[in-house]
Amino acid sequence: MKWKNERGFTLVEILASLTILGIVFISFMTIFPQMVSVNDRTETKLQTMNSAKVELINLKKNPSKLIINEKIKNSISTNDYETYTWLGKHNNVVEIDCYNVNGQTCSGIGEDTASRQKELYKIHIRVKVSENTISETFGYVELD
C-alpha cells in the first residue's frame, strides 16, 4: 500500500492563491482613491450650493444688500439687469444679476422714488471660485 502525502499545500498552490489575492486586492485599491476624489468634489459642490442658498435667503431678509457700491455693471442685452458682487462665505465671490421689472431697476438709480412700486425682481446668484462658476441658483426678491 502506498501512502499519499496530503499534509499541506504545494508551493504552486500557494503562489497561485497569492497571485489571485493580489489581483483582487489591487483592483479594489484603485477604486478608493477615485472615491476620495469624487467625495472631495461633491463636498465642495455642496458647500457652494449651500452658500448660494444662504445668499438668497439673506437677500430676501435684507434686500438692501443690493446697494450701488456693490454694483459692477449693467447689461446691454434685451433682458436688462444689474450685476452686483461681494465676498461670500468661505471667501467665495458671489455675483448676483438682478433683472429689471416694468422699467424699474433694482438699484433705482435715476428713477423717481415716489413713482417706484414694490416689485418682485428675478435674481440669478452665482458662486465663483477662481473665476469659475461652481454653483448657481435663481430666486425672487421684493424691492421698493
Protein backbone atom coordinates (compact mmCIF):
# COMPACT_ATOMS: atom_id res chain seq x y z
CA MET A 1 0.00 0.00 0.00
CA LYS A 2 1.27 3.42 -0.96
CA TRP A 3 0.93 6.42 1.28
CA LYS A 4 -0.05 9.73 -0.28
CA ASN A 5 1.38 12.87 1.17
CA GLU A 6 -1.73 15.00 1.81
CA ARG A 7 -0.47 17.07 4.70
CA GLY A 8 -0.28 20.56 3.14
CA PHE A 9 -0.28 22.80 0.11
CA THR A 10 2.25 22.70 -2.64
CA LEU A 11 4.33 25.73 -3.49
CA VAL A 12 2.46 26.13 -6.79
CA GLU A 13 -0.89 26.25 -5.00
CA ILE A 14 0.36 28.88 -2.55
CA LEU A 15 1.81 31.06 -5.34
CA ALA A 16 -1.38 30.79 -7.41
CA SER A 17 -3.58 31.78 -4.46
CA LEU A 18 -1.32 34.73 -3.58
CA THR A 19 -1.38 35.92 -7.20
CA ILE A 20 -5.17 35.77 -7.36
CA LEU A 21 -5.45 37.50 -3.98
CA GLY A 22 -3.04 40.23 -5.16
CA ILE A 23 -5.04 40.87 -8.34
CA VAL A 24 -8.28 41.19 -6.36
CA PHE A 25 -6.60 43.45 -3.78
CA ILE A 26 -5.11 45.77 -6.42
CA SER A 27 -8.44 46.09 -8.25
CA PHE A 28 -10.14 47.16 -5.01
CA MET A 29 -7.38 49.58 -4.06
CA THR A 30 -7.66 51.51 -7.35
CA ILE A 31 -11.30 52.29 -6.53
CA PHE A 32 -10.63 54.00 -3.17
CA PRO A 33 -8.51 56.98 -4.35
CA GLN A 34 -11.08 57.68 -7.05
CA MET A 35 -13.87 57.62 -4.45
CA VAL A 36 -11.95 60.09 -2.26
CA SER A 37 -11.52 62.45 -5.22
CA VAL A 38 -15.22 62.28 -6.08
CA ASN A 39 -16.14 62.87 -2.42
CA ASP A 40 -13.93 65.98 -2.26
CA ARG A 41 -15.53 67.45 -5.38
CA THR A 42 -19.01 66.63 -4.08
CA GLU A 43 -18.24 68.29 -0.74
CA THR A 44 -17.06 71.47 -2.48
CA LYS A 45 -20.14 71.49 -4.69
CA LEU A 46 -22.46 71.04 -1.70
CA GLN A 47 -20.73 73.86 0.21
CA THR A 48 -21.12 76.29 -2.67
CA MET A 49 -24.73 75.24 -3.30
CA ASN A 50 -25.44 75.89 0.36
CA SER A 51 -23.63 79.22 0.13
CA ALA A 52 -25.78 80.26 -2.85
CA LYS A 53 -28.97 79.32 -0.99
CA VAL A 54 -27.81 81.23 2.11
CA GLU A 55 -27.15 84.33 -0.01
CA LEU A 56 -30.66 84.02 -1.50
CA ILE A 57 -32.19 83.76 1.99
CA ASN A 58 -30.13 86.74 3.21
CA LEU A 59 -31.23 88.82 0.22
CA LYS A 60 -34.87 88.00 0.89
CA LYS A 61 -34.46 89.06 4.54
CA ASN A 62 -32.35 92.13 3.79
CA PRO A 63 -32.69 93.30 0.16
CA SER A 64 -30.71 96.44 0.96
CA LYS A 65 -27.57 94.35 0.32
CA LEU A 66 -28.15 95.23 -3.34
CA ILE A 67 -26.56 98.63 -2.96
CA ILE A 68 -24.94 100.75 -5.61
CA ASN A 69 -21.46 100.33 -4.06
CA GLU A 70 -21.54 96.63 -4.88
CA LYS A 71 -22.83 97.11 -8.44
CA ILE A 72 -20.24 96.28 -11.08
CA LYS A 73 -22.10 96.52 -14.39
CA ASN A 74 -25.34 96.93 -16.32
CA SER A 75 -26.38 94.59 -19.09
CA ILE A 76 -26.58 95.66 -22.69
CA SER A 77 -28.92 92.86 -23.75
CA THR A 78 -32.69 92.78 -24.14
CA ASN A 79 -33.04 91.27 -20.65
CA ASP A 80 -31.80 94.28 -18.73
CA TYR A 81 -30.17 93.52 -15.42
CA GLU A 82 -27.65 94.88 -12.98
CA THR A 83 -24.79 92.78 -11.64
CA TYR A 84 -23.62 93.03 -8.05
CA THR A 85 -20.69 91.27 -6.44
CA TRP A 86 -19.25 90.72 -2.97
CA LEU A 87 -17.26 88.22 -0.94
CA GLY A 88 -19.42 85.45 0.46
CA LYS A 89 -18.92 82.56 2.84
CA HIS A 90 -15.66 80.60 2.57
CA ASN A 91 -14.15 83.58 0.66
CA ASN A 92 -16.13 82.71 -2.47
CA VAL A 93 -17.05 85.50 -4.86
CA VAL A 94 -20.83 85.94 -5.08
CA GLU A 95 -22.22 87.52 -8.25
CA ILE A 96 -25.88 88.46 -8.45
CA ASP A 97 -27.78 89.52 -11.55
CA CYS A 98 -30.94 91.45 -10.66
CA TYR A 99 -33.30 91.69 -13.64
CA ASN A 100 -35.27 94.89 -14.24
CA VAL A 101 -39.08 94.80 -13.99
CA ASN A 102 -41.54 97.18 -15.71
CA GLY A 103 -38.80 99.68 -16.45
CA GLN A 104 -37.63 99.76 -12.84
CA THR A 105 -34.08 98.85 -11.97
CA CYS A 106 -33.11 97.05 -8.79
CA SER A 107 -30.99 99.94 -7.55
CA GLY A 108 -33.46 102.66 -8.52
CA ILE A 109 -30.67 104.89 -9.82
CA GLY A 110 -32.01 107.79 -11.86
CA GLU A 111 -35.63 106.97 -11.07
CA ASP A 112 -38.24 108.97 -9.21
CA THR A 113 -38.57 107.36 -5.78
CA ALA A 114 -42.18 108.44 -5.42
CA SER A 115 -43.26 106.62 -8.58
CA ARG A 116 -41.48 103.34 -7.73
CA GLN A 117 -43.68 100.42 -6.82
CA LYS A 118 -42.90 97.24 -4.94
CA GLU A 119 -41.97 94.56 -7.44
CA LEU A 120 -40.61 91.04 -7.42
CA TYR A 121 -37.22 91.05 -9.09
CA LYS A 122 -35.76 87.88 -10.52
CA ILE A 123 -32.22 87.31 -9.30
CA HIS A 124 -29.55 84.92 -10.50
CA ILE A 125 -26.91 84.09 -7.90
CA ARG A 126 -23.55 82.61 -8.93
CA VAL A 127 -20.87 81.45 -6.51
CA LYS A 128 -17.42 81.56 -8.07
CA VAL A 129 -14.07 80.14 -7.04
CA SER A 130 -11.06 81.28 -9.07
CA GLU A 131 -13.29 82.84 -11.76
CA ASN A 132 -15.10 79.50 -12.28
CA THR A 133 -18.81 79.28 -11.51
CA ILE A 134 -19.17 76.45 -9.02
CA SER A 135 -22.83 76.84 -8.13
CA GLU A 136 -25.81 78.96 -9.12
CA THR A 137 -29.40 79.43 -8.10
CA PHE A 138 -32.37 81.58 -9.04
CA GLY A 139 -34.92 83.34 -6.89
CA TYR A 140 -37.07 86.42 -6.44
CA VAL A 141 -36.60 89.40 -4.13
CA GLU A 142 -39.23 92.03 -3.32
CA LEU A 143 -37.83 95.55 -3.63
CA ASP A 144 -39.38 99.01 -3.41
